Every structure is written in C-alpha cells, then in structure tokens.
C-alpha atoms as a PDB file:
ATOM      1  CA  MET A   1     220.390  36.210 -98.938  1.00  0.00           C
ATOM      2  CA  GLY A   2     220.007  35.644-102.666  1.00  0.00           C
ATOM      3  CA  LYS A   3     219.792  38.622-105.017  1.00  0.00           C
ATOM      4  CA  ARG A   4     218.665  42.137-104.185  1.00  0.00           C
ATOM      5  CA  TYR A   5     216.577  43.775-106.895  1.00  0.00           C
ATOM      6  CA  PHE A   6     215.894  47.444-107.446  1.00  0.00           C
ATOM      7  CA  ILE A   7     214.374  49.726-110.013  1.00  0.00           C
ATOM      8  CA  GLU A   8     214.798  53.456-110.567  1.00  0.00           C
ATOM      9  CA  LEU A   9     211.593  55.494-110.686  1.00  0.00           C
ATOM     10  CA  SER A  10     210.876  59.201-110.964  1.00  0.00           C
ATOM     11  CA  ARG A  11     208.094  61.406-109.645  1.00  0.00           C
ATOM     12  CA  LYS A  12     208.806  63.866-112.457  1.00  0.00           C
ATOM     13  CA  ASP A  13     206.066  62.388-114.572  1.00  0.00           C
ATOM     14  CA  VAL A  14     202.328  62.447-115.201  1.00  0.00           C
ATOM     15  CA  GLY A  15     199.972  59.673-114.123  1.00  0.00           C
ATOM     16  CA  LEU A  16     196.492  58.568-115.097  1.00  0.00           C
ATOM     17  CA  VAL A  17     194.709  59.189-111.796  1.00  0.00           C
ATOM     18  CA  SER A  18     191.813  57.380-110.114  1.00  0.00           C
ATOM     19  CA  TYR A  19     190.571  57.913-106.578  1.00  0.00           C
ATOM     20  CA  PHE A  20     188.716  55.789-104.059  1.00  0.00           C
ATOM     21  CA  PRO A  21     187.303  56.284-100.541  1.00  0.00           C
ATOM     22  CA  GLY A  22     188.761  52.968 -99.318  1.00  0.00           C
ATOM     23  CA  LEU A  23     185.492  51.885 -97.715  1.00  0.00           C
ATOM     24  CA  GLU A  24     186.330  48.187 -98.116  1.00  0.00           C
ATOM     25  CA  ILE A  25     188.769  48.335 -95.190  1.00  0.00           C
ATOM     26  CA  GLN A  26     186.856  50.511 -92.720  1.00  0.00           C
ATOM     27  CA  ASP A  27     185.594  47.597 -90.592  1.00  0.00           C
ATOM     28  CA  ASP A  28     188.895  45.708 -90.295  1.00  0.00           C
ATOM     29  CA  PRO A  29     191.748  47.340 -88.332  1.00  0.00           C
ATOM     30  CA  ASP A  30     194.251  44.907 -89.849  1.00  0.00           C
ATOM     31  CA  ALA A  31     193.189  45.411 -93.459  1.00  0.00           C
ATOM     32  CA  ASP A  32     195.507  46.995 -96.027  1.00  0.00           C
ATOM     33  CA  TRP A  33     193.812  48.510 -99.083  1.00  0.00           C
ATOM     34  CA  ILE A  34     196.806  47.836-101.325  1.00  0.00           C
ATOM     35  CA  ASP A  35     197.029  44.113-100.538  1.00  0.00           C
ATOM     36  CA  ASP A  36     193.341  43.442 -99.956  1.00  0.00           C
ATOM     37  CA  VAL A  37     191.752  45.541-102.706  1.00  0.00           C
ATOM     38  CA  LEU A  38     194.247  46.781-105.293  1.00  0.00           C
ATOM     39  CA  VAL A  39     196.298  43.592-105.717  1.00  0.00           C
ATOM     40  CA  PRO A  40     193.256  41.341-106.431  1.00  0.00           C
ATOM     41  CA  ALA A  41     192.001  43.930-108.936  1.00  0.00           C
ATOM     42  CA  VAL A  42     195.184  44.223-111.007  1.00  0.00           C
ATOM     43  CA  GLU A  43     196.653  40.730-110.587  1.00  0.00           C
ATOM     44  CA  PRO A  44     194.612  39.272-113.481  1.00  0.00           C
ATOM     45  CA  ILE A  45     196.169  41.882-115.795  1.00  0.00           C
ATOM     46  CA  ALA A  46     199.608  40.362-115.195  1.00  0.00           C
ATOM     47  CA  LYS A  47     198.315  36.986-116.348  1.00  0.00           C
ATOM     48  CA  ARG A  48     197.007  38.252-119.682  1.00  0.00           C
ATOM     49  CA  LYS A  49     198.747  36.926-122.783  1.00  0.00           C
ATOM     50  CA  ASN A  50     198.355  40.192-124.699  1.00  0.00           C
ATOM     51  CA  ALA A  51     201.835  41.091-125.991  1.00  0.00           C
ATOM     52  CA  LYS A  52     201.361  44.861-125.633  1.00  0.00           C
ATOM     53  CA  ILE A  53     200.315  44.788-122.001  1.00  0.00           C
ATOM     54  CA  ARG A  54     203.111  42.349-121.117  1.00  0.00           C
ATOM     55  CA  GLU A  55     205.839  44.585-122.524  1.00  0.00           C
ATOM     56  CA  ILE A  56     204.694  47.912-121.048  1.00  0.00           C
ATOM     57  CA  PRO A  57     205.701  48.426-117.391  1.00  0.00           C
ATOM     58  CA  ILE A  58     202.501  49.662-115.748  1.00  0.00           C
ATOM     59  CA  THR A  59     203.468  51.285-112.461  1.00  0.00           C
ATOM     60  CA  PHE A  60     201.040  52.272-109.694  1.00  0.00           C
ATOM     61  CA  TRP A  61     201.724  55.028-107.159  1.00  0.00           C
ATOM     62  CA  VAL A  62     199.456  55.808-104.191  1.00  0.00           C
ATOM     63  CA  ALA A  63     198.756  58.894-102.136  1.00  0.00           C
ATOM     64  CA  VAL A  64     196.063  59.867 -99.638  1.00  0.00           C
ATOM     65  CA  ARG A  65     194.607  63.358 -99.459  1.00  0.00           C
ATOM     66  CA  ARG A  66     191.487  65.290 -98.467  1.00  0.00           C
ATOM     67  CA  THR A  67     188.718  65.776-101.043  1.00  0.00           C
ATOM     68  CA  ALA A  68     185.354  67.503-101.217  1.00  0.00           C
ATOM     69  CA  ARG A  69     183.637  64.107-100.997  1.00  0.00           C
ATOM     70  CA  HIS A  70     185.487  62.606 -98.029  1.00  0.00           C
ATOM     71  CA  ARG A  71     187.846  63.403 -95.169  1.00  0.00           C
ATOM     72  CA  ALA A  72     190.505  61.536 -97.149  1.00  0.00           C
ATOM     73  CA  GLU A  73     190.624  59.444-100.307  1.00  0.00           C
ATOM     74  CA  ILE A  74     193.127  57.139-101.926  1.00  0.00           C
ATOM     75  CA  PHE A  75     194.615  58.552-105.109  1.00  0.00           C
ATOM     76  CA  LEU A  76     196.004  55.932-107.469  1.00  0.00           C
ATOM     77  CA  PHE A  77     198.377  57.188-110.163  1.00  0.00           C
ATOM     78  CA  MET A  78     199.126  54.879-113.074  1.00  0.00           C
ATOM     79  CA  MET A  79     202.118  55.324-115.346  1.00  0.00           C
ATOM     80  CA  PRO A  80     202.431  55.670-118.253  1.00  0.00           C
ATOM     81  CA  ALA A  81     199.583  58.164-118.384  1.00  0.00           C
ATOM     82  CA  TYR A  82     198.963  57.395-122.067  1.00  0.00           C
ATOM     83  CA  PRO A  83     199.292  53.605-122.437  1.00  0.00           C
ATOM     84  CA  GLY A  84     197.041  53.418-125.496  1.00  0.00           C
ATOM     85  CA  ALA A  85     193.286  53.041-125.738  1.00  0.00           C
ATOM     86  CA  ALA A  86     193.202  49.234-125.501  1.00  0.00           C
ATOM     87  CA  ILE A  87     195.372  48.995-122.384  1.00  0.00           C
ATOM     88  CA  GLU A  88     193.605  51.922-120.759  1.00  0.00           C
ATOM     89  CA  ARG A  89     190.295  50.141-121.281  1.00  0.00           C
ATOM     90  CA  ILE A  90     191.617  46.903-119.744  1.00  0.00           C
ATOM     91  CA  LEU A  91     192.882  48.790-116.696  1.00  0.00           C
ATOM     92  CA  SER A  92     189.642  50.706-116.349  1.00  0.00           C
ATOM     93  CA  GLN A  93     187.639  47.472-116.367  1.00  0.00           C
ATOM     94  CA  ALA A  94     189.914  46.031-113.660  1.00  0.00           C
ATOM     95  CA  LEU A  95     189.466  49.042-111.363  1.00  0.00           C
ATOM     96  CA  GLU A  96     185.737  49.637-111.942  1.00  0.00           C
ATOM     97  CA  PRO A  97     184.534  47.126-109.287  1.00  0.00           C
ATOM     98  CA  ILE A  98     186.402  48.980-106.499  1.00  0.00           C
ATOM     99  CA  LYS A  99     183.746  50.568-104.306  1.00  0.00           C
ATOM    100  CA  ASP A 100     182.604  54.152-105.060  1.00  0.00           C
ATOM    101  CA  GLY A 101     185.687  54.965-107.087  1.00  0.00           C
ATOM    102  CA  LYS A 102     186.312  57.538-109.787  1.00  0.00           C
ATOM    103  CA  VAL A 103     188.349  55.548-112.312  1.00  0.00           C
ATOM    104  CA  HIS A 104     190.646  57.377-114.724  1.00  0.00           C
ATOM    105  CA  ALA A 105     189.317  60.759-113.633  1.00  0.00           C
ATOM    106  CA  GLY A 106     192.147  62.656-115.308  1.00  0.00           C
ATOM    107  CA  ARG A 107     195.894  63.008-115.732  1.00  0.00           C
ATOM    108  CA  GLU A 108     197.999  64.766-113.105  1.00  0.00           C
ATOM    109  CA  PRO A 109     201.662  65.187-112.166  1.00  0.00           C
ATOM    110  CA  ILE A 110     202.840  62.626-109.596  1.00  0.00           C
ATOM    111  CA  PRO A 111     202.810  64.507-106.237  1.00  0.00           C
ATOM    112  CA  GLU A 112     205.852  64.603-103.960  1.00  0.00           C
ATOM    113  CA  TYR A 113     204.045  62.618-101.266  1.00  0.00           C
ATOM    114  CA  ALA A 114     203.014  59.729-103.555  1.00  0.00           C
ATOM    115  CA  VAL A 115     204.826  56.408-103.184  1.00  0.00           C
ATOM    116  CA  PRO A 116     205.171  53.550-105.684  1.00  0.00           C
ATOM    117  CA  CYS A 117     203.398  50.370-104.609  1.00  0.00           C
ATOM    118  CA  LEU A 118     202.996  47.929-107.531  1.00  0.00           C
ATOM    119  CA  GLN A 119     204.060  47.261-111.086  1.00  0.00           C
ATOM    120  CA  VAL A 120     202.658  44.917-113.731  1.00  0.00           C
ATOM    121  CA  PHE A 121     205.360  43.869-116.184  1.00  0.00           C
ATOM    122  CA  ARG A 122     206.179  40.790-118.257  1.00  0.00           C
ATOM    123  CA  GLY A 123     203.550  38.647-116.638  1.00  0.00           C
ATOM    124  CA  LYS A 124     204.587  39.591-113.093  1.00  0.00           C
ATOM    125  CA  LEU A 125     202.940  41.577-110.334  1.00  0.00           C
ATOM    126  CA  ILE A 126     205.857  43.281-108.617  1.00  0.00           C
ATOM    127  CA  ASP A 127     205.707  44.643-105.075  1.00  0.00           C
ATOM    128  CA  PHE A 128     207.702  47.770-104.150  1.00  0.00           C
ATOM    129  CA  TYR A 129     209.370  48.820-100.923  1.00  0.00           C
ATOM    130  CA  GLY A 130     211.481  51.880-100.149  1.00  0.00           C
ATOM    131  CA  TYR A 131     214.482  52.831 -98.034  1.00  0.00           C
ATOM    132  CA  LEU A 132     213.636  54.466 -94.687  1.00  0.00           C
ATOM    133  CA  GLY A 133     217.121  54.989 -93.308  1.00  0.00           C
ATOM    134  CA  CYS A 134     219.567  53.471 -90.851  1.00  0.00           C
ATOM    135  CA  TYR A 135     218.471  52.829 -87.257  1.00  0.00           C
ATOM    136  CA  ASP A 136     220.358  50.904 -84.568  1.00  0.00           C
ATOM    137  CA  ASN A 137     223.047  49.988 -87.119  1.00  0.00           C
ATOM    138  CA  LEU A 138     220.464  48.333 -89.366  1.00  0.00           C
ATOM    139  CA  ASN A 139     219.164  49.553 -92.686  1.00  0.00           C
ATOM    140  CA  TRP A 140     215.380  49.836 -92.557  1.00  0.00           C
ATOM    141  CA  PHE A 141     212.918  49.726 -95.394  1.00  0.00           C
ATOM    142  CA  SER A 142     209.199  50.385 -95.605  1.00  0.00           C
ATOM    143  CA  VAL A 143     206.276  48.787 -97.405  1.00  0.00           C
ATOM    144  CA  PRO A 144     203.450  51.166 -98.327  1.00  0.00           C
ATOM    145  CA  ALA A 145     200.151  50.225 -96.708  1.00  0.00           C
ATOM    146  CA  ILE A 146     196.807  52.016 -96.487  1.00  0.00           C
ATOM    147  CA  ARG A 147     194.937  51.524 -93.221  1.00  0.00           C
ATOM    148  CA  TRP A 148     191.616  52.913 -91.953  1.00  0.00           C
ATOM    149  CA  GLN A 149     192.215  55.520 -89.242  1.00  0.00           C
ATOM    150  CA  ASP A 150     190.052  58.332 -87.856  1.00  0.00           C
ATOM    151  CA  LYS A 151     187.159  57.749 -90.272  1.00  0.00           C
ATOM    152  CA  GLY A 152     189.285  57.630 -93.384  1.00  0.00           C
ATOM    153  CA  PRO A 153     192.168  55.921 -95.190  1.00  0.00           C
ATOM    154  CA  GLU A 154     195.708  56.804 -94.222  1.00  0.00           C
ATOM    155  CA  LEU A 155     198.996  55.944 -95.906  1.00  0.00           C
ATOM    156  CA  ASP A 156     201.082  54.030 -93.399  1.00  0.00           C
ATOM    157  CA  PRO A 157     204.611  52.991 -94.433  1.00  0.00           C
ATOM    158  CA  LEU A 158     205.324  49.813 -92.490  1.00  0.00           C
ATOM    159  CA  PRO A 159     209.004  49.397 -91.514  1.00  0.00           C
ATOM    160  CA  VAL A 160     210.691  46.183 -92.556  1.00  0.00           C
ATOM    161  CA  PRO A 161     214.174  45.298 -91.232  1.00  0.00           C
ATOM    162  CA  GLU A 162     216.894  44.457 -93.733  1.00  0.00           C
ATOM    163  CA  HIS A 163     217.048  40.768 -92.844  1.00  0.00           C
ATOM    164  CA  ASP A 164     213.373  40.241 -93.686  1.00  0.00           C
ATOM    165  CA  GLU A 165     212.728  37.934 -96.643  1.00  0.00           C
ATOM    166  CA  LEU A 166     210.915  40.779 -98.443  1.00  0.00           C
ATOM    167  CA  ILE A 167     214.222  42.473 -99.172  1.00  0.00           C
ATOM    168  CA  THR A 168     215.707  39.705-101.291  1.00  0.00           C
ATOM    169  CA  VAL A 169     214.426  37.137-103.716  1.00  0.00           C
ATOM    170  CA  ASP A 170     216.218  33.804-103.533  1.00  0.00           C
ATOM    171  CA  VAL A 171     215.282  32.833-107.080  1.00  0.00           C
ATOM    172  CA  PRO A 172     215.787  34.835-110.289  1.00  0.00           C
ATOM    173  CA  ILE A 173     213.183  37.540-110.605  1.00  0.00           C
ATOM    174  CA  GLU A 174     211.758  36.013-113.767  1.00  0.00           C
ATOM    175  CA  GLU A 175     210.976  32.844-111.776  1.00  0.00           C
ATOM    176  CA  ALA A 176     209.528  34.476-108.647  1.00  0.00           C
ATOM    177  CA  ASP A 177     205.730  34.419-108.369  1.00  0.00           C
ATOM    178  CA  TYR A 178     205.442  37.726-106.529  1.00  0.00           C
ATOM    179  CA  PRO A 179     208.831  39.469-106.483  1.00  0.00           C
ATOM    180  CA  ALA A 180     209.654  42.361-104.168  1.00  0.00           C
ATOM    181  CA  ILE A 181     211.836  45.147-105.544  1.00  0.00           C
ATOM    182  CA  GLU A 182     213.298  48.252-103.948  1.00  0.00           C
ATOM    183  CA  ALA A 183     211.967  51.444-105.555  1.00  0.00           C
ATOM    184  CA  ARG A 184     214.740  54.011-105.772  1.00  0.00           C
ATOM    185  CA  ILE A 185     213.249  57.450-106.395  1.00  0.00           C
ATOM    186  CA  LEU A 186     215.465  59.646-108.551  1.00  0.00           C
ATOM    187  CA  SER A 187     215.319  63.409-108.322  1.00  0.00           C
ATOM    188  CA  VAL A 188     217.352  64.122-111.462  1.00  0.00           C
ATOM    189  CA  SER A 189     215.736  61.991-114.181  1.00  0.00           C
ATOM    190  CA  ASN A 190     212.362  62.626-115.673  1.00  0.00           C
ATOM    191  CA  GLY A 191     209.739  59.917-115.832  1.00  0.00           C
ATOM    192  CA  LYS A 192     210.060  59.397-119.565  1.00  0.00           C
ATOM    193  CA  GLU A 193     213.731  58.440-119.227  1.00  0.00           C
ATOM    194  CA  CYS A 194     213.023  56.137-116.276  1.00  0.00           C
ATOM    195  CA  ARG A 195     210.314  54.355-118.235  1.00  0.00           C
ATOM    196  CA  LYS A 196     212.825  53.577-120.979  1.00  0.00           C
ATOM    197  CA  PHE A 197     215.107  51.845-118.484  1.00  0.00           C
ATOM    198  CA  GLN A 198     212.206  49.867-117.022  1.00  0.00           C
ATOM    199  CA  GLN A 199     212.100  47.917-120.271  1.00  0.00           C
ATOM    200  CA  ALA A 200     215.421  46.375-119.189  1.00  0.00           C
ATOM    201  CA  LEU A 201     214.180  45.438-115.693  1.00  0.00           C
ATOM    202  CA  ILE A 202     215.480  41.877-115.511  1.00  0.00           C
ATOM    203  CA  PRO A 203     219.142  42.444-116.511  1.00  0.00           C
ATOM    204  CA  ILE A 204     219.740  45.732-114.675  1.00  0.00           C
ATOM    205  CA  ALA A 205     217.636  45.485-111.521  1.00  0.00           C
ATOM    206  CA  ARG A 206     219.830  43.193-109.497  1.00  0.00           C
ATOM    207  CA  GLU A 207     222.886  43.417-107.310  1.00  0.00           C
ATOM    208  CA  GLU A 208     224.750  40.995-105.095  1.00  0.00           C
ATOM    209  CA  THR A 209     224.137  41.285-101.350  1.00  0.00           C
END
C-alpha cells in the first residue's frame, strides 16, 4: 500500500476568486474541467524555478453556483488571497487563456460548499481527494470533478474505493510526479494557521497504512 499522505486545510479563510462558465467541456460528456482545463493551466507554475513561488503552497478550491451571466459557473478560489504582486501576476497569466473567465475578480471567504482540488507546492502539482464515509465495510473517498450537465457545469464528487491506487503513493511524496493527498477539512483552525503547517507538508503529511 505504500504511504498515505494527508494535509489539513480550513475553509475559514479568504481566497482570491476567479470564475468561469466551463464552456470547454460542454460537448464532451466524459470531460472533467479540473483535469482537462485547470490542470494544464497551472501545471507550468509548478515547474517554475522561482524560489518564492516554490515555497508558497498555492491551494485551489472549486465551487459551482448560479450567476447573472449563466445558469451556473465554476468559482475557483486561490489561497493565499494575498500571495504578493509577482505571484499574483504569474497566476493571472496562467488562468487568462481559460475561455470567457473573470480572473482574479475579487477576494471572498471560502464558502462551505467549496472543495479543495489542487495545490502547487515545492515544484509539485498535488491532487486532492476527500473522505466520503464508510459503505459496505469499506472506507470511500471522492475526487472532485466538474462535469457538464443540464446546460451548465456541475460539481460531481466521484467516489473512489480505499484500495484504489489514488489513495496511496508508493514512493516518497517528494519523488512522485503527481501525488494524491487526502484533504482533511478542519472546522476549528483558521486558514492562516493551516497555511503555516502547509510549509511542513513533506514531514507531517504521511502516515503508515
């Protein structure tokens, strides 16, 4: 099974918010906006050699909600909300090509229905999954996905059984190309405190399975 990795995150924080209609996936029932659009946009950021951007954990949360422009739009919250002008500019340039988006439209509290999906940290693009519960004596987890349904994007947590290879990484996280980590959402800590602990991701985010 290898190692199981996790990280503690908090919704009690503010994010730099962008929103997108998700039009890139409307013609493909199997498309996932996170994997097919967001990952290619932010993956080059992880490969940058800039010391500042490598040492700041940039975490992305997603939500879908109705807007005045569309039946539903994808809201992308980036933490920290104030990463500094240089990093904010790099992130803005990465997101600008996404179709019909409003990039860095403001700063808002992370809503209760948002889920973490990706993190860029120390040269890695990290994928998140979350705990769904126990069914049929198996622990089940979900991967956030955004599919096109009923003329708009919809957040669709996809269940993943515990034995799936997504749950564990058989090599140390620092050596994995695209590690998957469980996102444990805390209700007691604020986002500022959680971001401090994210700096110690490699030594603390592992447990034996």
